Amino acid sequence: MSRRSEVSAGILAFRRKSGGKLELLLAHPGGPYWRGRDEGAWSIPKGVVESNDPVACAKREFNEETGLTADGPLLPLTPARQKSGKLVHAFALEADFDLSGFSSNKFEMEWPPRSGKRQSFPEIDRVAYFTLATARRKILPGQRSFIEELVQHLRKKTPP
């Protein structure tokens, strides 16, 4: 399957702190290629849609990649096409997770390259809540639209 035809789904969790300040939960990809990257490298927890049910996929992947359970109403956001060509469906979820229970599934790859040795790495090496300004810097550019759409939705729902 080409990356252009690949479809993923994930969850953008958010919480409101005192004073109504918005914080967004993002995940940092694991593995050696992402180790030194920070700004523009974080993502929503997501994975490949293997059935025709993006919601079920988003919930499953969120759990597999974070060890947390996404319960509650989901707000569908407009799908975004990543630089790689992959189409990502995202759903927003208001939730204040205790991140001490974070755990991620693992993947295996040859490392170092051409060494013949296989190593295991976490799919996600850390998760964190970020303020809106920081989340906008940290998230992959192709997923920034999810943040902006969520902010617009919350502004409409909250009278000035």
N, C-alpha and C. Protein backbone atom coordinates (compact mmCIF):
# COMPACT_ATOMS: atom_id res chain seq x y z
N MET A 1 0.85 -1.18 0.00
CA MET A 1 0.00 0.00 0.00
C MET A 1 0.90 1.23 0.00
N SER A 2 0.62 2.18 -0.89
CA SER A 2 1.41 3.40 -0.92
C SER A 2 1.01 4.29 0.25
N ARG A 3 1.92 5.17 0.65
CA ARG A 3 1.63 6.09 1.76
C ARG A 3 0.45 6.99 1.40
N ARG A 4 0.28 7.31 0.11
CA ARG A 4 -0.80 8.18 -0.32
C ARG A 4 -2.15 7.53 -0.05
N SER A 5 -2.23 6.21 -0.08
CA SER A 5 -3.50 5.53 0.16
C SER A 5 -3.66 5.07 1.61
N GLU A 6 -2.61 5.24 2.41
CA GLU A 6 -2.67 4.82 3.80
C GLU A 6 -3.56 5.78 4.61
N VAL A 7 -4.37 5.20 5.49
CA VAL A 7 -5.27 6.00 6.32
C VAL A 7 -5.01 5.66 7.78
N SER A 8 -4.86 6.69 8.61
CA SER A 8 -4.67 6.51 10.05
C SER A 8 -5.77 7.24 10.80
N ALA A 9 -5.90 6.90 12.07
CA ALA A 9 -6.86 7.59 12.93
C ALA A 9 -6.25 7.72 14.32
N GLY A 10 -6.56 8.84 14.98
CA GLY A 10 -6.02 9.07 16.30
C GLY A 10 -6.86 10.03 17.12
N ILE A 11 -6.41 10.26 18.33
CA ILE A 11 -7.16 11.09 19.28
C ILE A 11 -6.28 12.24 19.77
N LEU A 12 -6.86 13.43 19.71
CA LEU A 12 -6.25 14.63 20.29
C LEU A 12 -6.96 14.89 21.61
N ALA A 13 -6.34 14.45 22.70
CA ALA A 13 -6.93 14.67 24.03
C ALA A 13 -6.57 16.08 24.50
N PHE A 14 -7.50 16.68 25.23
CA PHE A 14 -7.26 18.01 25.77
C PHE A 14 -7.91 18.14 27.13
N ARG A 15 -7.41 19.09 27.90
CA ARG A 15 -8.00 19.39 29.21
C ARG A 15 -7.98 20.89 29.40
N ARG A 16 -8.84 21.35 30.29
CA ARG A 16 -8.88 22.78 30.62
C ARG A 16 -8.42 22.93 32.06
N LYS A 17 -7.41 23.73 32.24
CA LYS A 17 -6.87 23.98 33.58
C LYS A 17 -7.53 25.23 34.14
N SER A 18 -7.12 25.62 35.36
CA SER A 18 -7.71 26.79 36.01
C SER A 18 -7.63 27.99 35.08
N GLY A 19 -8.69 28.76 35.08
CA GLY A 19 -8.76 29.92 34.20
C GLY A 19 -9.13 29.55 32.78
N GLY A 20 -9.50 28.28 32.57
CA GLY A 20 -9.90 27.85 31.24
C GLY A 20 -8.76 27.64 30.26
N LYS A 21 -7.52 27.63 30.78
CA LYS A 21 -6.37 27.45 29.89
C LYS A 21 -6.38 26.03 29.31
N LEU A 22 -6.24 25.97 27.99
CA LEU A 22 -6.29 24.72 27.26
C LEU A 22 -4.91 24.05 27.26
N GLU A 23 -4.90 22.73 27.51
CA GLU A 23 -3.68 21.93 27.39
C GLU A 23 -3.99 20.74 26.51
N LEU A 24 -3.05 20.38 25.63
CA LEU A 24 -3.23 19.31 24.66
C LEU A 24 -2.24 18.18 24.92
N LEU A 25 -2.71 16.96 24.79
CA LEU A 25 -1.88 15.77 25.01
C LEU A 25 -1.25 15.35 23.68
N LEU A 26 0.08 15.35 23.65
CA LEU A 26 0.80 14.92 22.46
C LEU A 26 1.76 13.80 22.82
N ALA A 27 2.14 13.03 21.79
CA ALA A 27 3.02 11.88 21.97
C ALA A 27 4.29 12.07 21.15
N HIS A 28 5.42 11.70 21.74
CA HIS A 28 6.70 11.79 21.03
C HIS A 28 7.05 10.40 20.50
N PRO A 29 7.32 10.28 19.19
CA PRO A 29 7.62 8.96 18.62
C PRO A 29 8.91 8.37 19.19
N GLY A 30 8.89 7.08 19.41
CA GLY A 30 10.07 6.39 19.92
C GLY A 30 10.99 5.96 18.80
N GLY A 31 12.08 5.38 19.17
CA GLY A 31 13.04 4.88 18.19
C GLY A 31 14.18 5.86 17.97
N PRO A 32 15.26 5.35 17.40
CA PRO A 32 16.47 6.15 17.28
C PRO A 32 16.37 7.34 16.33
N TYR A 33 15.52 7.28 15.33
CA TYR A 33 15.44 8.38 14.36
C TYR A 33 14.80 9.63 14.96
N TRP A 34 13.98 9.47 16.00
CA TRP A 34 13.27 10.60 16.59
C TRP A 34 13.93 11.09 17.89
N ARG A 35 14.94 10.38 18.36
CA ARG A 35 15.54 10.66 19.67
C ARG A 35 15.93 12.12 19.85
N GLY A 36 16.56 12.74 18.88
CA GLY A 36 17.03 14.11 19.03
C GLY A 36 16.07 15.17 18.53
N ARG A 37 14.89 14.77 18.09
CA ARG A 37 13.94 15.74 17.53
C ARG A 37 12.89 16.11 18.56
N ASP A 38 12.49 17.38 18.57
CA ASP A 38 11.48 17.82 19.52
C ASP A 38 10.43 18.68 18.82
N GLU A 39 10.74 19.94 18.55
CA GLU A 39 9.75 20.81 17.91
C GLU A 39 9.42 20.28 16.52
N GLY A 40 8.12 20.19 16.23
CA GLY A 40 7.67 19.69 14.94
C GLY A 40 7.73 18.18 14.82
N ALA A 41 7.95 17.47 15.93
CA ALA A 41 8.09 16.01 15.89
C ALA A 41 6.97 15.28 16.63
N TRP A 42 6.27 15.94 17.52
CA TRP A 42 5.24 15.30 18.33
C TRP A 42 3.98 15.08 17.50
N SER A 43 3.13 14.16 17.95
CA SER A 43 1.96 13.76 17.18
C SER A 43 0.80 13.44 18.11
N ILE A 44 -0.38 13.31 17.52
CA ILE A 44 -1.46 12.70 18.28
C ILE A 44 -1.21 11.20 18.25
N PRO A 45 -1.57 10.46 19.30
CA PRO A 45 -1.45 9.00 19.23
C PRO A 45 -2.39 8.49 18.13
N LYS A 46 -1.82 7.76 17.17
CA LYS A 46 -2.62 7.32 16.02
C LYS A 46 -2.03 6.05 15.43
N GLY A 47 -2.82 5.43 14.55
CA GLY A 47 -2.36 4.24 13.87
C GLY A 47 -3.16 3.97 12.63
N VAL A 48 -2.73 2.97 11.87
CA VAL A 48 -3.34 2.62 10.59
C VAL A 48 -4.74 2.04 10.80
N VAL A 49 -5.68 2.55 10.01
CA VAL A 49 -7.05 2.04 10.02
C VAL A 49 -7.05 0.76 9.18
N GLU A 50 -7.30 -0.37 9.84
CA GLU A 50 -7.30 -1.66 9.15
C GLU A 50 -8.70 -2.13 8.80
N SER A 51 -9.69 -1.49 9.38
CA SER A 51 -11.09 -1.78 9.05
C SER A 51 -11.66 -0.48 8.50
N ASN A 52 -12.94 -0.42 8.34
CA ASN A 52 -13.55 0.83 7.89
C ASN A 52 -14.11 1.61 9.06
N ASP A 53 -13.49 1.48 10.24
CA ASP A 53 -13.99 2.12 11.45
C ASP A 53 -12.91 2.99 12.08
N PRO A 54 -12.77 4.26 11.62
CA PRO A 54 -11.73 5.11 12.18
C PRO A 54 -11.87 5.37 13.68
N VAL A 55 -13.09 5.41 14.20
CA VAL A 55 -13.29 5.66 15.63
C VAL A 55 -12.72 4.50 16.44
N ALA A 56 -13.05 3.28 16.07
CA ALA A 56 -12.53 2.11 16.78
C ALA A 56 -11.01 2.07 16.70
N CYS A 57 -10.47 2.39 15.53
CA CYS A 57 -9.02 2.41 15.35
C CYS A 57 -8.39 3.47 16.26
N ALA A 58 -8.95 4.67 16.28
CA ALA A 58 -8.40 5.75 17.09
C ALA A 58 -8.36 5.36 18.56
N LYS A 59 -9.43 4.76 19.07
CA LYS A 59 -9.48 4.35 20.48
C LYS A 59 -8.46 3.24 20.75
N ARG A 60 -8.38 2.25 19.85
CA ARG A 60 -7.44 1.14 20.02
C ARG A 60 -6.00 1.66 20.02
N GLU A 61 -5.66 2.48 19.04
CA GLU A 61 -4.30 2.98 18.93
C GLU A 61 -3.92 3.88 20.11
N PHE A 62 -4.88 4.69 20.57
CA PHE A 62 -4.62 5.54 21.72
C PHE A 62 -4.23 4.67 22.92
N ASN A 63 -4.98 3.59 23.12
CA ASN A 63 -4.69 2.68 24.23
C ASN A 63 -3.35 1.97 24.05
N GLU A 64 -3.10 1.45 22.84
CA GLU A 64 -1.85 0.72 22.59
C GLU A 64 -0.63 1.62 22.74
N GLU A 65 -0.74 2.87 22.30
CA GLU A 65 0.41 3.74 22.29
C GLU A 65 0.63 4.51 23.59
N THR A 66 -0.41 4.58 24.45
CA THR A 66 -0.26 5.35 25.69
C THR A 66 -0.55 4.54 26.95
N GLY A 67 -1.25 3.42 26.81
CA GLY A 67 -1.67 2.66 27.99
C GLY A 67 -2.88 3.30 28.66
N LEU A 68 -3.44 4.35 28.08
CA LEU A 68 -4.59 5.06 28.63
C LEU A 68 -5.84 4.68 27.85
N THR A 69 -7.00 4.82 28.47
CA THR A 69 -8.26 4.46 27.82
C THR A 69 -9.05 5.71 27.48
N ALA A 70 -9.40 5.83 26.21
CA ALA A 70 -10.15 6.99 25.71
C ALA A 70 -11.64 6.74 25.86
N ASP A 71 -12.22 7.23 26.97
CA ASP A 71 -13.65 7.12 27.21
C ASP A 71 -14.26 8.50 27.13
N GLY A 72 -15.46 8.57 26.59
CA GLY A 72 -16.16 9.84 26.52
C GLY A 72 -16.50 10.20 25.09
N PRO A 73 -17.28 11.26 24.94
CA PRO A 73 -17.67 11.67 23.60
C PRO A 73 -16.49 12.18 22.79
N LEU A 74 -16.45 11.79 21.54
CA LEU A 74 -15.39 12.20 20.62
C LEU A 74 -15.93 13.23 19.63
N LEU A 75 -15.16 14.26 19.40
CA LEU A 75 -15.50 15.28 18.41
C LEU A 75 -14.70 15.00 17.15
N PRO A 76 -15.36 14.63 16.04
CA PRO A 76 -14.61 14.40 14.81
C PRO A 76 -14.03 15.71 14.28
N LEU A 77 -12.78 15.67 13.87
CA LEU A 77 -12.10 16.82 13.28
C LEU A 77 -11.91 16.54 11.79
N THR A 78 -11.70 17.56 11.01
CA THR A 78 -11.50 17.39 9.58
C THR A 78 -10.22 16.61 9.32
N PRO A 79 -10.29 15.52 8.53
CA PRO A 79 -9.07 14.75 8.23
C PRO A 79 -8.01 15.63 7.57
N ALA A 80 -6.75 15.29 7.82
CA ALA A 80 -5.62 16.04 7.26
C ALA A 80 -4.68 15.09 6.53
N ARG A 81 -4.16 15.55 5.40
CA ARG A 81 -3.19 14.76 4.66
C ARG A 81 -1.79 15.17 5.11
N GLN A 82 -1.01 14.18 5.54
CA GLN A 82 0.35 14.43 6.00
C GLN A 82 1.29 14.63 4.80
N LYS A 83 2.47 15.14 5.09
CA LYS A 83 3.49 15.36 4.05
C LYS A 83 3.79 14.04 3.32
N SER A 84 3.72 12.92 4.04
CA SER A 84 4.00 11.60 3.46
C SER A 84 2.90 11.15 2.52
N GLY A 85 1.74 11.83 2.57
CA GLY A 85 0.59 11.43 1.75
C GLY A 85 -0.47 10.71 2.54
N LYS A 86 -0.12 10.27 3.74
CA LYS A 86 -1.07 9.55 4.59
C LYS A 86 -2.21 10.47 5.01
N LEU A 87 -3.45 9.95 4.98
CA LEU A 87 -4.62 10.70 5.44
C LEU A 87 -4.88 10.34 6.90
N VAL A 88 -4.99 11.35 7.76
CA VAL A 88 -5.20 11.10 9.19
C VAL A 88 -6.56 11.64 9.62
N HIS A 89 -7.37 10.76 10.19
CA HIS A 89 -8.64 11.13 10.81
C HIS A 89 -8.35 11.36 12.29
N ALA A 90 -8.84 12.47 12.82
CA ALA A 90 -8.59 12.78 14.23
C ALA A 90 -9.91 13.06 14.94
N PHE A 91 -9.91 12.73 16.22
CA PHE A 91 -11.07 12.95 17.08
C PHE A 91 -10.57 13.61 18.35
N ALA A 92 -11.25 14.66 18.77
CA ALA A 92 -10.87 15.35 20.01
C ALA A 92 -11.63 14.73 21.17
N LEU A 93 -10.97 14.64 22.31
CA LEU A 93 -11.54 14.07 23.52
C LEU A 93 -11.11 14.92 24.71
N GLU A 94 -12.08 15.40 25.48
CA GLU A 94 -11.73 16.13 26.69
C GLU A 94 -11.49 15.12 27.80
N ALA A 95 -10.27 15.11 28.33
CA ALA A 95 -9.90 14.15 29.37
C ALA A 95 -8.64 14.62 30.08
N ASP A 96 -8.64 14.50 31.40
CA ASP A 96 -7.48 14.87 32.21
C ASP A 96 -6.85 13.57 32.70
N PHE A 97 -6.00 12.98 31.86
CA PHE A 97 -5.39 11.69 32.17
C PHE A 97 -4.27 11.83 33.19
N ASP A 98 -4.14 10.80 34.03
CA ASP A 98 -2.99 10.66 34.92
C ASP A 98 -1.90 10.00 34.07
N LEU A 99 -0.88 10.72 33.71
CA LEU A 99 0.14 10.21 32.79
C LEU A 99 1.15 9.29 33.45
N SER A 100 1.03 9.08 34.76
CA SER A 100 1.95 8.15 35.43
C SER A 100 1.70 6.71 34.95
N GLY A 101 0.53 6.44 34.37
CA GLY A 101 0.22 5.11 33.85
C GLY A 101 0.63 4.92 32.41
N PHE A 102 1.40 5.86 31.85
CA PHE A 102 1.81 5.78 30.44
C PHE A 102 2.63 4.53 30.18
N SER A 103 2.29 3.84 29.10
CA SER A 103 3.09 2.73 28.59
C SER A 103 2.78 2.60 27.10
N SER A 104 3.74 2.17 26.33
CA SER A 104 3.55 2.07 24.90
C SER A 104 3.91 0.68 24.40
N ASN A 105 3.24 0.28 23.31
CA ASN A 105 3.63 -0.95 22.64
C ASN A 105 5.01 -0.73 22.01
N LYS A 106 5.62 -1.79 21.54
CA LYS A 106 6.97 -1.71 21.01
C LYS A 106 7.01 -2.17 19.56
N PHE A 107 8.07 -1.77 18.87
CA PHE A 107 8.34 -2.26 17.52
C PHE A 107 9.80 -2.67 17.47
N GLU A 108 10.12 -3.48 16.50
CA GLU A 108 11.48 -3.99 16.36
C GLU A 108 12.03 -3.56 15.02
N MET A 109 13.32 -3.22 15.01
CA MET A 109 13.98 -2.84 13.77
C MET A 109 15.47 -3.17 13.86
N GLU A 110 16.10 -3.23 12.69
CA GLU A 110 17.54 -3.43 12.66
C GLU A 110 18.20 -2.13 13.11
N TRP A 111 19.02 -2.23 14.17
CA TRP A 111 19.72 -1.05 14.66
C TRP A 111 21.03 -1.45 15.30
N PRO A 112 22.11 -0.81 14.99
CA PRO A 112 22.30 0.19 13.95
C PRO A 112 22.05 -0.38 12.55
N PRO A 113 21.78 0.52 11.60
CA PRO A 113 21.50 0.06 10.23
C PRO A 113 22.61 -0.83 9.68
N ARG A 114 22.21 -1.85 8.96
CA ARG A 114 23.10 -2.82 8.30
C ARG A 114 24.01 -3.57 9.27
N SER A 115 23.61 -3.61 10.55
CA SER A 115 24.42 -4.31 11.56
C SER A 115 24.00 -5.76 11.71
N GLY A 116 22.79 -6.08 11.23
CA GLY A 116 22.27 -7.42 11.42
C GLY A 116 21.67 -7.62 12.80
N LYS A 117 21.75 -6.63 13.67
CA LYS A 117 21.20 -6.72 15.02
C LYS A 117 19.81 -6.10 15.05
N ARG A 118 18.90 -6.74 15.78
CA ARG A 118 17.54 -6.22 15.92
C ARG A 118 17.37 -5.70 17.34
N GLN A 119 16.74 -4.53 17.44
CA GLN A 119 16.45 -3.94 18.74
C GLN A 119 14.98 -3.58 18.83
N SER A 120 14.48 -3.55 20.05
CA SER A 120 13.10 -3.19 20.31
C SER A 120 13.04 -1.76 20.86
N PHE A 121 12.06 -1.00 20.37
CA PHE A 121 11.89 0.39 20.81
C PHE A 121 10.41 0.63 21.09
N PRO A 122 10.09 1.54 22.02
CA PRO A 122 8.69 1.90 22.24
C PRO A 122 8.19 2.70 21.05
N GLU A 123 6.94 2.45 20.64
CA GLU A 123 6.36 3.22 19.54
C GLU A 123 6.26 4.71 19.92
N ILE A 124 5.94 4.96 21.18
CA ILE A 124 5.89 6.31 21.74
C ILE A 124 6.79 6.30 22.96
N ASP A 125 7.75 7.24 23.05
CA ASP A 125 8.65 7.20 24.21
C ASP A 125 8.21 8.10 25.35
N ARG A 126 7.30 9.05 25.07
CA ARG A 126 6.74 9.87 26.14
C ARG A 126 5.50 10.60 25.66
N VAL A 127 4.66 10.95 26.61
CA VAL A 127 3.47 11.77 26.35
C VAL A 127 3.47 12.91 27.35
N ALA A 128 2.85 14.02 26.95
CA ALA A 128 2.79 15.17 27.85
C ALA A 128 1.66 16.09 27.41
N TYR A 129 1.11 16.79 28.41
CA TYR A 129 0.17 17.87 28.12
C TYR A 129 0.99 19.14 27.89
N PHE A 130 0.61 19.91 26.88
CA PHE A 130 1.28 21.16 26.57
C PHE A 130 0.26 22.29 26.48
N THR A 131 0.71 23.49 26.82
CA THR A 131 -0.13 24.66 26.61
C THR A 131 -0.37 24.79 25.10
N LEU A 132 -1.34 25.57 24.74
CA LEU A 132 -1.70 25.75 23.35
C LEU A 132 -0.50 26.25 22.53
N ALA A 133 0.18 27.28 23.01
CA ALA A 133 1.32 27.84 22.27
C ALA A 133 2.43 26.81 22.07
N THR A 134 2.73 26.05 23.12
CA THR A 134 3.79 25.04 23.02
C THR A 134 3.36 23.89 22.12
N ALA A 135 2.11 23.45 22.23
CA ALA A 135 1.62 22.36 21.38
C ALA A 135 1.70 22.73 19.90
N ARG A 136 1.41 23.96 19.58
CA ARG A 136 1.49 24.41 18.18
C ARG A 136 2.91 24.29 17.64
N ARG A 137 3.92 24.49 18.48
CA ARG A 137 5.31 24.35 18.05
C ARG A 137 5.76 22.90 17.98
N LYS A 138 5.26 22.09 18.92
CA LYS A 138 5.75 20.71 19.04
C LYS A 138 5.12 19.74 18.03
N ILE A 139 3.86 19.97 17.67
CA ILE A 139 3.15 19.00 16.82
C ILE A 139 3.71 19.00 15.40
N LEU A 140 3.62 17.86 14.75
CA LEU A 140 3.99 17.76 13.34
C LEU A 140 3.21 18.82 12.56
N PRO A 141 3.84 19.54 11.65
CA PRO A 141 3.13 20.58 10.91
C PRO A 141 1.86 20.09 10.23
N GLY A 142 1.85 18.87 9.73
CA GLY A 142 0.68 18.33 9.04
C GLY A 142 -0.49 18.02 9.96
N GLN A 143 -0.28 18.10 11.28
CA GLN A 143 -1.37 17.86 12.23
C GLN A 143 -1.80 19.13 12.96
N ARG A 144 -1.14 20.24 12.68
CA ARG A 144 -1.48 21.50 13.36
C ARG A 144 -2.93 21.90 13.13
N SER A 145 -3.50 21.55 11.99
CA SER A 145 -4.89 21.91 11.70
C SER A 145 -5.86 21.30 12.72
N PHE A 146 -5.51 20.17 13.31
CA PHE A 146 -6.37 19.57 14.34
C PHE A 146 -6.48 20.50 15.55
N ILE A 147 -5.36 21.08 15.94
CA ILE A 147 -5.36 22.00 17.07
C ILE A 147 -6.22 23.22 16.75
N GLU A 148 -6.00 23.79 15.56
CA GLU A 148 -6.73 25.01 15.19
C GLU A 148 -8.23 24.76 15.11
N GLU A 149 -8.63 23.62 14.56
CA GLU A 149 -10.05 23.31 14.48
C GLU A 149 -10.66 23.12 15.87
N LEU A 150 -9.93 22.46 16.76
CA LEU A 150 -10.41 22.27 18.13
C LEU A 150 -10.57 23.62 18.82
N VAL A 151 -9.61 24.49 18.68
CA VAL A 151 -9.68 25.82 19.30
C VAL A 151 -10.90 26.57 18.78
N GLN A 152 -11.14 26.54 17.48
CA GLN A 152 -12.31 27.22 16.91
C GLN A 152 -13.60 26.63 17.46
N HIS A 153 -13.66 25.32 17.56
CA HIS A 153 -14.85 24.65 18.09
C HIS A 153 -15.10 25.08 19.54
N LEU A 154 -14.06 25.10 20.36
CA LEU A 154 -14.22 25.47 21.76
C LEU A 154 -14.61 26.94 21.92
N ARG A 155 -14.12 27.80 21.05
CA ARG A 155 -14.50 29.23 21.10
C ARG A 155 -16.00 29.39 20.81
N LYS A 156 -16.51 28.63 19.87
CA LYS A 156 -17.94 28.70 19.53
C LYS A 156 -18.81 28.21 20.69
N LYS A 157 -18.30 27.22 21.42
CA LYS A 157 -19.07 26.60 22.50
C LYS A 157 -19.02 27.43 23.79
N THR A 158 -17.98 28.27 23.94
CA THR A 158 -17.81 29.04 25.16
C THR A 158 -18.09 30.52 24.88
N PRO A 159 -19.21 31.04 25.39
CA PRO A 159 -19.49 32.47 25.13
C PRO A 159 -18.46 33.37 25.81
N PRO A 160 -18.17 34.52 25.19
CA PRO A 160 -17.16 35.44 25.76
C PRO A 160 -17.60 36.03 27.07
